């Protein structure tokens, strides 16, 4: 493989990687939202990704069927929910 071809492949990968990572993060947040909706039976009011040291957490605010507002925190790595 020639140096020019390697450089072209690397440039293409670097151009696509940030978009793919952003799409994966959005998919993961959407998955966390769906899980919280199933677990609580409520309606999601807002959802954010927050940094906690080296970890990313999803902070999801939900209106429960009994009218209370709860904040559920999910780990981006699929760990247990914290309420």
Protein backbone atom coordinates (compact mmCIF):
# COMPACT_ATOMS: atom_id res chain seq x y z
CA UNK A 1 0.00 0.00 0.00
CA UNK A 2 1.43 3.35 -0.94
CA UNK A 3 1.99 6.15 1.50
CA UNK A 4 -0.54 8.34 -0.32
CA UNK A 5 -3.23 5.68 -0.05
CA UNK A 6 -2.51 5.15 3.66
CA UNK A 7 -2.73 8.89 4.25
CA UNK A 8 -6.04 9.06 2.41
CA UNK A 9 -7.51 6.18 4.44
CA UNK A 10 -6.32 7.73 7.70
CA UNK A 11 -7.79 11.12 6.75
CA UNK A 12 -11.15 9.49 5.98
CA UNK A 13 -11.18 7.63 9.28
CA UNK A 14 -10.34 10.77 11.23
CA UNK A 15 -13.11 12.67 9.46
CA UNK A 16 -15.75 10.03 10.20
CA UNK A 17 -14.77 9.05 13.76
CA UNK A 18 -16.07 12.16 15.63
CA UNK A 19 -19.47 11.91 13.94
CA UNK A 20 -19.68 8.20 14.75
CA UNK A 21 -18.76 8.83 18.39
CA UNK A 22 -21.37 11.57 18.71
CA UNK A 23 -23.99 9.30 17.14
CA UNK A 24 -23.07 6.47 19.57
CA UNK A 25 -23.35 8.85 22.54
CA UNK A 26 -26.77 10.04 21.36
CA UNK A 27 -27.88 6.44 20.88
CA UNK A 28 -26.71 5.59 24.40
CA UNK A 29 -28.56 8.55 25.91
CA UNK A 30 -31.68 7.57 23.99
CA UNK A 31 -31.33 4.02 25.33
CA UNK A 32 -31.01 5.34 28.90
CA UNK A 33 -34.13 7.46 28.38
CA UNK A 34 -36.08 4.44 27.17
CA UNK A 35 -34.93 2.39 30.18
CA UNK A 36 -36.01 5.09 32.63
CA UNK A 37 -39.40 5.38 30.93
CA UNK A 38 -39.91 1.62 31.26
CA UNK A 39 -38.68 1.51 34.87
CA UNK A 40 -40.76 4.44 36.12
CA UNK A 41 -43.74 4.45 33.79
CA UNK A 42 -43.28 8.21 33.66
CA UNK A 43 -42.71 10.92 31.09
CA UNK A 44 -39.18 12.23 30.56
CA UNK A 45 -38.94 15.98 31.07
CA UNK A 46 -35.23 16.41 30.31
CA UNK A 47 -32.05 14.41 29.86
CA UNK A 48 -28.40 15.44 30.02
CA UNK A 49 -25.00 13.82 29.85
CA UNK A 50 -22.77 14.91 32.74
CA UNK A 51 -19.14 14.25 33.58
CA UNK A 52 -18.29 12.74 36.98
CA UNK A 53 -14.52 12.48 36.98
CA UNK A 54 -13.57 9.99 34.27
CA UNK A 55 -17.14 8.68 33.94
CA UNK A 56 -20.10 9.91 31.95
CA UNK A 57 -23.52 9.79 33.57
CA UNK A 58 -26.96 10.35 32.15
CA UNK A 59 -29.16 12.57 34.33
CA UNK A 60 -32.79 12.05 33.41
CA UNK A 61 -35.64 14.06 34.94
CA UNK A 62 -38.95 12.23 34.81
CA UNK A 63 -42.56 13.00 35.80
CA UNK A 64 -43.91 9.85 37.48
CA UNK A 65 -47.52 8.68 37.03
CA UNK A 66 -48.30 9.88 40.58
CA UNK A 67 -47.26 13.45 39.65
CA UNK A 68 -43.83 13.57 41.32
CA UNK A 69 -40.69 14.74 39.55
CA UNK A 70 -37.71 12.41 40.01
CA UNK A 71 -34.15 12.60 38.78
CA UNK A 72 -32.68 9.25 37.77
CA UNK A 73 -28.96 8.90 37.10
CA UNK A 74 -27.72 6.13 34.81
CA UNK A 75 -24.15 5.20 34.14
CA UNK A 76 -23.11 5.39 30.49
CA UNK A 77 -21.63 1.93 30.97
CA UNK A 78 -24.96 0.34 31.71
CA UNK A 79 -24.58 0.19 35.49
CA UNK A 80 -27.46 0.29 37.92
CA UNK A 81 -29.68 3.33 38.23
CA UNK A 82 -29.18 5.79 41.06
CA UNK A 83 -32.17 7.74 42.30
